[in-house]
Amino acid sequence: MEILKILAPPLIGALIGYFTNYIAVKMLFHPYKEIKIGSFTLPFTPGVIPKRKDKIAENLGALAEDTLLTKQDIKQALLSEDVKKALYTSLKESFEEVSKENTEDILRKFTDHESYEKARENIITAISEKTLEQIEQKDLTDMAKEGIRNIIKENMGFLAAFVDENIINTIALKFNDILHAYARNQGREVIEDIADKSIEHIEEKPLSSLFENLPLDNMEKKLYAFFDKIVEEKADVILHRLNIKTIAQNKINSLEMPQLENLIISVMNKELSALINLGAVIGFVLGCVNIFLIR
């Protein structure tokens, strides 16, 4: 009996300390909602975390943006060799897969039929107008003279020497005028037909054929340099619009309390268990002290 009297205070103290801390930890999360008895709200309801969920979400969002995941941290991560290598490899594999398809099919994936046809028409019109403009501005007289001389020489032999140069000049000038007049009147239709067939030829080819003669040896380094430039110049704007704080805050607010409770416990399970056990230890120690005080 004497031993029981000695052990009882420490054991009771340990039991009280354990359950006190256990209840305190549970009250961090429970109850999820306030409990009312008539118009009276029961004290300590809802639990600490449910009651301050919005503020906790706001503070954690600020913590994520200002400390855990700063703009500089994200920029350094994006500019790491591993990220750039993974990005390049992914782009290369995707391009190799896509480039096996013909050009038209690939382009049509990015737009509707009407927009594609309109863009195609605009390209043909632009080519025609630019070609006609170049023809109109170019004086073809000298080229015509050379051609006429060669024709006369091939067909008239030694008699070509007797052909008056003024006649050649007159024919050349007339040829120049005829060509310009033809370009103005019928040239657009001809050029548009040529441009249409050229575009159609390109559309039928696989996309990879358009890059066959391009120097791709240094493409990886060039893409790295381009990516570095984009991150350095635009990262602040992108991250500002990304708004990590708001994303984290909204994510926490979107969690139901059971989900949030499980999340916090999964992260702090050992710490919370240690806190509960610490209550038992403190209760046990105080029980031992109580024995000496009574004696």
C-alpha atoms as a PDB file:
ATOM      1  CA  MET A   1       0.000   0.000   0.000  1.00  0.00           C
ATOM      2  CA  GLU A   2       2.861   2.341   0.853  1.00  0.00           C
ATOM      3  CA  ILE A   3       4.348   1.831  -2.615  1.00  0.00           C
ATOM      4  CA  LEU A   4       0.958   2.556  -4.222  1.00  0.00           C
ATOM      5  CA  LYS A   5       0.697   5.816  -2.294  1.00  0.00           C
ATOM      6  CA  ILE A   6       4.143   6.794  -3.547  1.00  0.00           C
ATOM      7  CA  LEU A   7       3.505   5.843  -7.196  1.00  0.00           C
ATOM      8  CA  ALA A   8      -0.050   7.188  -7.430  1.00  0.00           C
ATOM      9  CA  PRO A   9       0.754  10.957  -7.660  1.00  0.00           C
ATOM     10  CA  PRO A  10       3.367  10.583 -10.459  1.00  0.00           C
ATOM     11  CA  LEU A  11       1.171   8.172 -12.421  1.00  0.00           C
ATOM     12  CA  ILE A  12      -1.933  10.311 -12.037  1.00  0.00           C
ATOM     13  CA  GLY A  13       0.125  13.393 -12.962  1.00  0.00           C
ATOM     14  CA  ALA A  14       1.475  11.636 -16.065  1.00  0.00           C
ATOM     15  CA  LEU A  15      -2.035  10.535 -17.055  1.00  0.00           C
ATOM     16  CA  ILE A  16      -3.450  14.038 -16.564  1.00  0.00           C
ATOM     17  CA  GLY A  17      -0.539  15.652 -18.465  1.00  0.00           C
ATOM     18  CA  TYR A  18      -0.894  13.197 -21.335  1.00  0.00           C
ATOM     19  CA  PHE A  19      -4.635  13.632 -21.801  1.00  0.00           C
ATOM     20  CA  THR A  20      -4.472  17.396 -21.231  1.00  0.00           C
ATOM     21  CA  ASN A  21      -1.995  17.824 -24.088  1.00  0.00           C
ATOM     22  CA  TYR A  22      -3.872  15.272 -26.208  1.00  0.00           C
ATOM     23  CA  ILE A  23      -7.090  17.258 -25.816  1.00  0.00           C
ATOM     24  CA  ALA A  24      -5.220  20.523 -26.480  1.00  0.00           C
ATOM     25  CA  VAL A  25      -3.840  19.134 -29.769  1.00  0.00           C
ATOM     26  CA  LYS A  26      -7.285  17.881 -30.770  1.00  0.00           C
ATOM     27  CA  MET A  27      -8.775  21.290 -29.964  1.00  0.00           C
ATOM     28  CA  LEU A  28      -6.443  22.829 -32.515  1.00  0.00           C
ATOM     29  CA  PHE A  29      -8.635  21.220 -35.182  1.00  0.00           C
ATOM     30  CA  HIS A  30     -11.923  20.280 -33.467  1.00  0.00           C
ATOM     31  CA  PRO A  31     -14.704  21.078 -33.643  1.00  0.00           C
ATOM     32  CA  TYR A  32     -14.648  22.198 -37.256  1.00  0.00           C
ATOM     33  CA  LYS A  33     -17.619  24.524 -36.738  1.00  0.00           C
ATOM     34  CA  GLU A  34     -18.921  26.593 -33.839  1.00  0.00           C
ATOM     35  CA  ILE A  35     -21.385  24.907 -31.535  1.00  0.00           C
ATOM     36  CA  LYS A  36     -24.409  26.946 -30.465  1.00  0.00           C
ATOM     37  CA  ILE A  37     -26.823  26.375 -27.619  1.00  0.00           C
ATOM     38  CA  GLY A  38     -29.630  28.692 -28.518  1.00  0.00           C
ATOM     39  CA  SER A  39     -27.992  32.052 -29.131  1.00  0.00           C
ATOM     40  CA  PHE A  40     -25.004  31.121 -26.955  1.00  0.00           C
ATOM     41  CA  THR A  41     -21.799  29.997 -28.687  1.00  0.00           C
ATOM     42  CA  LEU A  42     -19.885  27.358 -26.794  1.00  0.00           C
ATOM     43  CA  PRO A  43     -16.378  28.631 -25.893  1.00  0.00           C
ATOM     44  CA  PHE A  44     -13.411  27.332 -27.904  1.00  0.00           C
ATOM     45  CA  THR A  45     -15.629  26.431 -30.855  1.00  0.00           C
ATOM     46  CA  PRO A  46     -14.672  26.127 -33.581  1.00  0.00           C
ATOM     47  CA  GLY A  47     -11.100  24.906 -33.018  1.00  0.00           C
ATOM     48  CA  VAL A  48      -8.140  27.268 -33.276  1.00  0.00           C
ATOM     49  CA  ILE A  49      -7.200  26.305 -36.859  1.00  0.00           C
ATOM     50  CA  PRO A  50     -10.738  26.243 -38.324  1.00  0.00           C
ATOM     51  CA  LYS A  51     -11.432  29.611 -36.697  1.00  0.00           C
ATOM     52  CA  ARG A  52      -8.277  31.195 -38.138  1.00  0.00           C
ATOM     53  CA  LYS A  53      -8.141  29.254 -41.401  1.00  0.00           C
ATOM     54  CA  ASP A  54      -8.310  32.354 -43.627  1.00  0.00           C
ATOM     55  CA  LYS A  55      -5.543  34.125 -41.688  1.00  0.00           C
ATOM     56  CA  ILE A  56      -3.400  30.991 -41.621  1.00  0.00           C
ATOM     57  CA  ALA A  57      -3.832  30.636 -45.403  1.00  0.00           C
ATOM     58  CA  GLU A  58      -2.859  34.274 -45.895  1.00  0.00           C
ATOM     59  CA  ASN A  59       0.242  33.960 -43.700  1.00  0.00           C
ATOM     60  CA  LEU A  60       1.349  30.678 -45.304  1.00  0.00           C
ATOM     61  CA  GLY A  61       0.875  32.228 -48.766  1.00  0.00           C
ATOM     62  CA  ALA A  62       3.074  35.170 -47.778  1.00  0.00           C
ATOM     63  CA  LEU A  63       5.619  32.761 -46.285  1.00  0.00           C
ATOM     64  CA  ALA A  64       5.704  30.709 -49.490  1.00  0.00           C
ATOM     65  CA  GLU A  65       6.293  33.771 -51.671  1.00  0.00           C
ATOM     66  CA  ASP A  66       8.631  35.777 -49.436  1.00  0.00           C
ATOM     67  CA  THR A  67      10.724  33.032 -47.851  1.00  0.00           C
ATOM     68  CA  LEU A  68      10.195  29.504 -49.134  1.00  0.00           C
ATOM     69  CA  LEU A  69       9.859  30.186 -52.851  1.00  0.00           C
ATOM     70  CA  THR A  70      11.227  33.626 -53.730  1.00  0.00           C
ATOM     71  CA  LYS A  71      11.441  35.015 -57.243  1.00  0.00           C
ATOM     72  CA  GLN A  72      15.216  34.618 -57.125  1.00  0.00           C
ATOM     73  CA  ASP A  73      14.879  30.963 -56.118  1.00  0.00           C
ATOM     74  CA  ILE A  74      12.551  30.282 -59.056  1.00  0.00           C
ATOM     75  CA  LYS A  75      14.841  32.103 -61.502  1.00  0.00           C
ATOM     76  CA  GLN A  76      17.845  30.101 -60.302  1.00  0.00           C
ATOM     77  CA  ALA A  77      15.878  26.867 -60.643  1.00  0.00           C
ATOM     78  CA  LEU A  78      14.741  27.736 -64.173  1.00  0.00           C
ATOM     79  CA  LEU A  79      18.279  28.673 -65.219  1.00  0.00           C
ATOM     80  CA  SER A  80      19.834  25.469 -63.866  1.00  0.00           C
ATOM     81  CA  GLU A  81      21.487  23.168 -66.391  1.00  0.00           C
ATOM     82  CA  ASP A  82      19.196  20.273 -65.455  1.00  0.00           C
ATOM     83  CA  VAL A  83      16.038  22.266 -66.216  1.00  0.00           C
ATOM     84  CA  LYS A  84      17.407  23.622 -69.500  1.00  0.00           C
ATOM     85  CA  LYS A  85      18.614  20.184 -70.558  1.00  0.00           C
ATOM     86  CA  ALA A  86      15.222  18.644 -69.757  1.00  0.00           C
ATOM     87  CA  LEU A  87      13.451  21.433 -71.620  1.00  0.00           C
ATOM     88  CA  TYR A  88      15.650  21.062 -74.692  1.00  0.00           C
ATOM     89  CA  THR A  89      15.281  17.270 -74.724  1.00  0.00           C
ATOM     90  CA  SER A  90      11.511  17.539 -74.397  1.00  0.00           C
ATOM     91  CA  LEU A  91      11.273  20.120 -77.192  1.00  0.00           C
ATOM     92  CA  LYS A  92      13.545  18.075 -79.430  1.00  0.00           C
ATOM     93  CA  GLU A  93      11.574  14.855 -78.928  1.00  0.00           C
ATOM     94  CA  SER A  94       8.259  16.661 -79.473  1.00  0.00           C
ATOM     95  CA  PHE A  95       9.548  18.365 -82.617  1.00  0.00           C
ATOM     96  CA  GLU A  96      10.917  15.126 -84.051  1.00  0.00           C
ATOM     97  CA  GLU A  97       7.555  13.457 -83.502  1.00  0.00           C
ATOM     98  CA  VAL A  98       5.481  16.319 -84.906  1.00  0.00           C
ATOM     99  CA  SER A  99       7.776  17.045 -87.850  1.00  0.00           C
ATOM    100  CA  LYS A 100       6.946  13.676 -89.409  1.00  0.00           C
ATOM    101  CA  GLU A 101       3.499  15.030 -90.306  1.00  0.00           C
ATOM    102  CA  ASN A 102       2.989  17.225 -93.355  1.00  0.00           C
ATOM    103  CA  THR A 103       3.152  20.964 -92.869  1.00  0.00           C
ATOM    104  CA  GLU A 104      -0.496  21.699 -93.619  1.00  0.00           C
ATOM    105  CA  ASP A 105      -1.835  19.210 -91.058  1.00  0.00           C
ATOM    106  CA  ILE A 106       0.403  20.683 -88.355  1.00  0.00           C
ATOM    107  CA  LEU A 107      -0.563  24.287 -89.138  1.00  0.00           C
ATOM    108  CA  ARG A 108      -4.269  23.482 -89.232  1.00  0.00           C
ATOM    109  CA  LYS A 109      -4.068  22.130 -85.671  1.00  0.00           C
ATOM    110  CA  PHE A 110      -3.437  25.655 -84.421  1.00  0.00           C
ATOM    111  CA  THR A 111      -6.333  27.384 -86.149  1.00  0.00           C
ATOM    112  CA  ASP A 112      -9.782  26.861 -87.613  1.00  0.00           C
ATOM    113  CA  HIS A 113     -10.419  26.253 -91.327  1.00  0.00           C
ATOM    114  CA  GLU A 114     -11.615  29.795 -92.095  1.00  0.00           C
ATOM    115  CA  SER A 115      -8.650  31.473 -90.390  1.00  0.00           C
ATOM    116  CA  TYR A 116      -6.173  29.152 -92.089  1.00  0.00           C
ATOM    117  CA  GLU A 117      -7.610  29.813 -95.557  1.00  0.00           C
ATOM    118  CA  LYS A 118      -7.650  33.563 -94.872  1.00  0.00           C
ATOM    119  CA  ALA A 119      -4.017  33.511 -93.773  1.00  0.00           C
ATOM    120  CA  ARG A 120      -3.077  31.470 -96.850  1.00  0.00           C
ATOM    121  CA  GLU A 121      -4.878  33.959 -99.085  1.00  0.00           C
ATOM    122  CA  ASN A 122      -3.130  36.892 -97.417  1.00  0.00           C
ATOM    123  CA  ILE A 123       0.277  35.286 -98.006  1.00  0.00           C
ATOM    124  CA  ILE A 124      -0.477  34.762-101.706  1.00  0.00           C
ATOM    125  CA  THR A 125      -1.701  38.363-102.037  1.00  0.00           C
ATOM    126  CA  ALA A 126       1.395  39.706-100.279  1.00  0.00           C
ATOM    127  CA  ILE A 127       3.718  37.690-102.554  1.00  0.00           C
ATOM    128  CA  SER A 128       1.865  38.867-105.675  1.00  0.00           C
ATOM    129  CA  GLU A 129       1.879  42.519-104.693  1.00  0.00           C
ATOM    130  CA  LYS A 130       5.564  42.467-103.755  1.00  0.00           C
ATOM    131  CA  THR A 131       6.512  40.690-107.005  1.00  0.00           C
ATOM    132  CA  LEU A 132       4.474  43.090-109.151  1.00  0.00           C
ATOM    133  CA  GLU A 133       5.998  46.034-107.307  1.00  0.00           C
ATOM    134  CA  GLN A 134       9.500  44.748-108.019  1.00  0.00           C
ATOM    135  CA  ILE A 135       8.681  44.169-111.704  1.00  0.00           C
ATOM    136  CA  GLU A 136       7.173  47.655-112.040  1.00  0.00           C
ATOM    137  CA  GLN A 137      10.238  49.281-110.503  1.00  0.00           C
ATOM    138  CA  LYS A 138      12.799  47.256-112.467  1.00  0.00           C
ATOM    139  CA  ASP A 139      13.992  48.519-115.884  1.00  0.00           C
ATOM    140  CA  LEU A 140      14.283  45.460-118.114  1.00  0.00           C
ATOM    141  CA  THR A 141      15.614  47.330-121.164  1.00  0.00           C
ATOM    142  CA  ASP A 142      19.259  46.275-120.819  1.00  0.00           C
ATOM    143  CA  MET A 143      18.283  42.646-120.246  1.00  0.00           C
ATOM    144  CA  ALA A 144      16.005  42.807-123.305  1.00  0.00           C
ATOM    145  CA  LYS A 145      18.827  44.258-125.462  1.00  0.00           C
ATOM    146  CA  GLU A 146      21.165  41.429-124.533  1.00  0.00           C
ATOM    147  CA  GLY A 147      18.500  38.855-125.278  1.00  0.00           C
ATOM    148  CA  ILE A 148      17.640  40.395-128.652  1.00  0.00           C
ATOM    149  CA  ARG A 149      21.327  40.498-129.695  1.00  0.00           C
ATOM    150  CA  ASN A 150      21.721  36.810-128.819  1.00  0.00           C
ATOM    151  CA  ILE A 151      18.588  35.888-130.779  1.00  0.00           C
ATOM    152  CA  ILE A 152      19.779  37.870-133.847  1.00  0.00           C
ATOM    153  CA  LYS A 153      23.243  36.354-133.656  1.00  0.00           C
ATOM    154  CA  GLU A 154      21.913  32.788-133.387  1.00  0.00           C
ATOM    155  CA  ASN A 155      19.454  33.202-136.254  1.00  0.00           C
ATOM    156  CA  MET A 156      21.195  35.624-138.657  1.00  0.00           C
ATOM    157  CA  GLY A 157      24.827  34.630-138.343  1.00  0.00           C
ATOM    158  CA  PHE A 158      27.240  37.214-139.865  1.00  0.00           C
ATOM    159  CA  LEU A 159      24.265  39.395-140.935  1.00  0.00           C
ATOM    160  CA  ALA A 160      23.723  40.265-137.276  1.00  0.00           C
ATOM    161  CA  ALA A 161      26.559  42.773-137.593  1.00  0.00           C
ATOM    162  CA  PHE A 162      24.454  44.799-140.006  1.00  0.00           C
ATOM    163  CA  VAL A 163      21.451  45.172-137.676  1.00  0.00           C
ATOM    164  CA  ASP A 164      21.129  48.783-136.548  1.00  0.00           C
ATOM    165  CA  GLU A 165      21.619  49.240-132.770  1.00  0.00           C
ATOM    166  CA  ASN A 166      18.775  51.764-132.762  1.00  0.00           C
ATOM    167  CA  ILE A 167      16.405  49.025-133.883  1.00  0.00           C
ATOM    168  CA  ILE A 168      17.575  46.823-131.022  1.00  0.00           C
ATOM    169  CA  ASN A 169      17.071  49.698-128.570  1.00  0.00           C
ATOM    170  CA  THR A 170      13.586  50.359-129.892  1.00  0.00           C
ATOM    171  CA  ILE A 171      12.600  46.687-129.633  1.00  0.00           C
ATOM    172  CA  ALA A 172      14.062  46.474-126.132  1.00  0.00           C
ATOM    173  CA  LEU A 173      12.142  49.534-124.960  1.00  0.00           C
ATOM    174  CA  LYS A 174       8.966  48.154-126.457  1.00  0.00           C
ATOM    175  CA  PHE A 175       9.590  44.777-124.780  1.00  0.00           C
ATOM    176  CA  ASN A 176      10.044  46.552-121.438  1.00  0.00           C
ATOM    177  CA  ASP A 177       6.739  48.398-121.870  1.00  0.00           C
ATOM    178  CA  ILE A 178       4.910  45.222-122.942  1.00  0.00           C
ATOM    179  CA  LEU A 179       6.194  43.270-119.961  1.00  0.00           C
ATOM    180  CA  HIS A 180       5.180  45.990-117.510  1.00  0.00           C
ATOM    181  CA  ALA A 181       1.750  46.261-119.147  1.00  0.00           C
ATOM    182  CA  TYR A 182       1.332  42.490-118.989  1.00  0.00           C
ATOM    183  CA  ALA A 183       2.332  42.487-115.324  1.00  0.00           C
ATOM    184  CA  ARG A 184      -0.237  45.153-114.549  1.00  0.00           C
ATOM    185  CA  ASN A 185      -3.070  43.491-116.479  1.00  0.00           C
ATOM    186  CA  GLN A 186      -2.545  39.715-116.345  1.00  0.00           C
ATOM    187  CA  GLY A 187       0.502  39.331-114.101  1.00  0.00           C
ATOM    188  CA  ARG A 188      -1.326  39.184-110.780  1.00  0.00           C
ATOM    189  CA  GLU A 189      -3.315  36.106-111.791  1.00  0.00           C
ATOM    190  CA  VAL A 190      -0.193  34.317-113.067  1.00  0.00           C
ATOM    191  CA  ILE A 191       1.880  35.172-110.006  1.00  0.00           C
ATOM    192  CA  GLU A 192      -0.913  34.207-107.604  1.00  0.00           C
ATOM    193  CA  ASP A 193      -1.242  30.857-109.369  1.00  0.00           C
ATOM    194  CA  ILE A 194       2.514  30.262-109.041  1.00  0.00           C
ATOM    195  CA  ALA A 195       2.454  31.310-105.367  1.00  0.00           C
ATOM    196  CA  ASP A 196      -0.537  29.053-104.686  1.00  0.00           C
ATOM    197  CA  LYS A 197       1.198  26.032-106.237  1.00  0.00           C
ATOM    198  CA  SER A 198       4.404  26.817-104.315  1.00  0.00           C
ATOM    199  CA  ILE A 199       2.545  26.994-100.997  1.00  0.00           C
ATOM    200  CA  GLU A 200       0.667  23.811-101.837  1.00  0.00           C
ATOM    201  CA  HIS A 201       3.987  22.095-102.528  1.00  0.00           C
ATOM    202  CA  ILE A 202       5.270  23.193 -99.115  1.00  0.00           C
ATOM    203  CA  GLU A 203       2.056  22.105 -97.383  1.00  0.00           C
ATOM    204  CA  GLU A 204       2.367  18.575 -98.753  1.00  0.00           C
ATOM    205  CA  LYS A 205       5.912  18.145 -97.468  1.00  0.00           C
ATOM    206  CA  PRO A 206       6.684  16.931 -93.930  1.00  0.00           C
ATOM    207  CA  LEU A 207       7.635  19.787 -91.636  1.00  0.00           C
ATOM    208  CA  SER A 208      11.124  18.331 -91.169  1.00  0.00           C
ATOM    209  CA  SER A 209      11.903  18.938 -94.865  1.00  0.00           C
ATOM    210  CA  LEU A 210      11.768  22.698 -94.284  1.00  0.00           C
ATOM    211  CA  PHE A 211      14.728  22.432 -91.910  1.00  0.00           C
ATOM    212  CA  GLU A 212      16.922  20.047 -93.899  1.00  0.00           C
ATOM    213  CA  ASN A 213      19.417  22.683 -94.977  1.00  0.00           C
ATOM    214  CA  LEU A 214      19.444  24.714 -91.781  1.00  0.00           C
ATOM    215  CA  PRO A 215      22.600  24.623 -89.612  1.00  0.00           C
ATOM    216  CA  LEU A 216      21.277  22.940 -86.475  1.00  0.00           C
ATOM    217  CA  ASP A 217      24.659  22.093 -84.917  1.00  0.00           C
ATOM    218  CA  ASN A 218      24.543  24.952 -82.423  1.00  0.00           C
ATOM    219  CA  MET A 219      20.780  24.920 -81.918  1.00  0.00           C
ATOM    220  CA  GLU A 220      21.056  23.634 -78.350  1.00  0.00           C
ATOM    221  CA  LYS A 221      23.370  26.471 -77.300  1.00  0.00           C
ATOM    222  CA  LYS A 222      21.223  29.025 -79.105  1.00  0.00           C
ATOM    223  CA  LEU A 223      18.075  27.765 -77.375  1.00  0.00           C
ATOM    224  CA  TYR A 224      19.850  27.891 -74.014  1.00  0.00           C
ATOM    225  CA  ALA A 225      20.904  31.497 -74.680  1.00  0.00           C
ATOM    226  CA  PHE A 226      17.387  32.420 -75.785  1.00  0.00           C
ATOM    227  CA  PHE A 227      15.854  30.757 -72.717  1.00  0.00           C
ATOM    228  CA  ASP A 228      18.324  32.551 -70.412  1.00  0.00           C
ATOM    229  CA  LYS A 229      17.408  35.885 -71.983  1.00  0.00           C
ATOM    230  CA  ILE A 230      13.671  35.274 -71.607  1.00  0.00           C
ATOM    231  CA  VAL A 231      14.009  34.241 -67.948  1.00  0.00           C
ATOM    232  CA  GLU A 232      16.265  37.204 -67.091  1.00  0.00           C
ATOM    233  CA  GLU A 233      14.077  39.774 -68.862  1.00  0.00           C
ATOM    234  CA  LYS A 234      10.568  38.426 -68.285  1.00  0.00           C
ATOM    235  CA  ALA A 235      10.724  36.292 -65.131  1.00  0.00           C
ATOM    236  CA  ASP A 236       9.681  39.127 -62.813  1.00  0.00           C
ATOM    237  CA  VAL A 237       6.628  39.911 -64.925  1.00  0.00           C
ATOM    238  CA  ILE A 238       5.660  36.236 -65.260  1.00  0.00           C
ATOM    239  CA  LEU A 239       6.127  35.509 -61.551  1.00  0.00           C
ATOM    240  CA  HIS A 240       4.227  38.667 -60.594  1.00  0.00           C
ATOM    241  CA  ARG A 241       1.264  37.481 -62.631  1.00  0.00           C
ATOM    242  CA  LEU A 242       1.727  33.923 -61.368  1.00  0.00           C
ATOM    243  CA  ASN A 243       1.265  35.292 -57.814  1.00  0.00           C
ATOM    244  CA  ILE A 244       2.544  32.407 -55.697  1.00  0.00           C
ATOM    245  CA  LYS A 245       1.083  33.944 -52.550  1.00  0.00           C
ATOM    246  CA  THR A 246      -2.461  33.912 -53.929  1.00  0.00           C
ATOM    247  CA  ILE A 247      -2.091  30.393 -55.352  1.00  0.00           C
ATOM    248  CA  ALA A 248      -0.931  29.013 -51.997  1.00  0.00           C
ATOM    249  CA  GLN A 249      -3.611  30.963 -50.120  1.00  0.00           C
ATOM    250  CA  ASN A 250      -6.412  29.803 -52.404  1.00  0.00           C
ATOM    251  CA  LYS A 251      -5.172  26.205 -52.261  1.00  0.00           C
ATOM    252  CA  ILE A 252      -5.272  26.146 -48.450  1.00  0.00           C
ATOM    253  CA  ASN A 253      -8.678  27.842 -48.359  1.00  0.00           C
ATOM    254  CA  SER A 254     -10.022  25.293 -50.836  1.00  0.00           C
ATOM    255  CA  LEU A 255      -9.122  22.383 -48.546  1.00  0.00           C
ATOM    256  CA  GLU A 256     -11.841  20.963 -46.337  1.00  0.00           C
ATOM    257  CA  MET A 257     -10.893  20.896 -42.649  1.00  0.00           C
ATOM    258  CA  PRO A 258     -10.409  17.086 -42.539  1.00  0.00           C
ATOM    259  CA  GLN A 259      -7.999  17.430 -45.486  1.00  0.00           C
ATOM    260  CA  LEU A 260      -6.150  20.306 -43.825  1.00  0.00           C
ATOM    261  CA  GLU A 261      -5.974  18.401 -40.548  1.00  0.00           C
ATOM    262  CA  ASN A 262      -4.554  15.313 -42.249  1.00  0.00           C
ATOM    263  CA  LEU A 263      -2.052  17.495 -44.108  1.00  0.00           C
ATOM    264  CA  ILE A 264      -0.782  19.211 -40.963  1.00  0.00           C
ATOM    265  CA  ILE A 265      -0.664  15.965 -38.966  1.00  0.00           C
ATOM    266  CA  SER A 266       1.207  14.184 -41.765  1.00  0.00           C
ATOM    267  CA  VAL A 267       3.842  16.918 -41.658  1.00  0.00           C
ATOM    268  CA  MET A 268       3.992  17.374 -37.864  1.00  0.00           C
ATOM    269  CA  ASN A 269       2.981  13.934 -36.576  1.00  0.00           C
ATOM    270  CA  LYS A 270       6.224  13.343 -34.672  1.00  0.00           C
ATOM    271  CA  GLU A 271       6.226  16.844 -33.177  1.00  0.00           C
ATOM    272  CA  LEU A 272       2.607  16.645 -32.030  1.00  0.00           C
ATOM    273  CA  SER A 273       3.149  13.162 -30.579  1.00  0.00           C
ATOM    274  CA  ALA A 274       6.225  14.451 -28.760  1.00  0.00           C
ATOM    275  CA  LEU A 275       4.155  17.332 -27.355  1.00  0.00           C
ATOM    276  CA  ILE A 276       1.517  14.924 -26.012  1.00  0.00           C
ATOM    277  CA  ASN A 277       4.178  12.657 -24.514  1.00  0.00           C
ATOM    278  CA  LEU A 278       5.901  15.692 -23.017  1.00  0.00           C
ATOM    279  CA  GLY A 279       2.670  16.420 -21.121  1.00  0.00           C
ATOM    280  CA  ALA A 280       2.889  12.961 -19.589  1.00  0.00           C
ATOM    281  CA  VAL A 281       6.541  13.491 -18.612  1.00  0.00           C
ATOM    282  CA  ILE A 282       5.845  16.898 -17.040  1.00  0.00           C
ATOM    283  CA  GLY A 283       2.831  15.463 -15.172  1.00  0.00           C
ATOM    284  CA  PHE A 284       4.980  12.600 -13.898  1.00  0.00           C
ATOM    285  CA  VAL A 285       7.727  14.973 -12.708  1.00  0.00           C
ATOM    286  CA  LEU A 286       5.222  17.256 -10.989  1.00  0.00           C
ATOM    287  CA  GLY A 287       3.688  14.172  -9.312  1.00  0.00           C
ATOM    288  CA  CYS A 288       7.128  13.221  -7.976  1.00  0.00           C
ATOM    289  CA  VAL A 289       7.706  16.748  -6.710  1.00  0.00           C
ATOM    290  CA  ASN A 290       4.316  16.625  -5.042  1.00  0.00           C
ATOM    291  CA  ILE A 291       5.400  13.541  -3.043  1.00  0.00           C
ATOM    292  CA  PHE A 292       8.346  15.375  -1.552  1.00  0.00           C
ATOM    293  CA  LEU A 293       6.272  18.478  -0.819  1.00  0.00           C
ATOM    294  CA  ILE A 294       3.670  16.411   1.061  1.00  0.00           C
ATOM    295  CA  ARG A 295       6.347  14.619   3.097  1.00  0.00           C
END
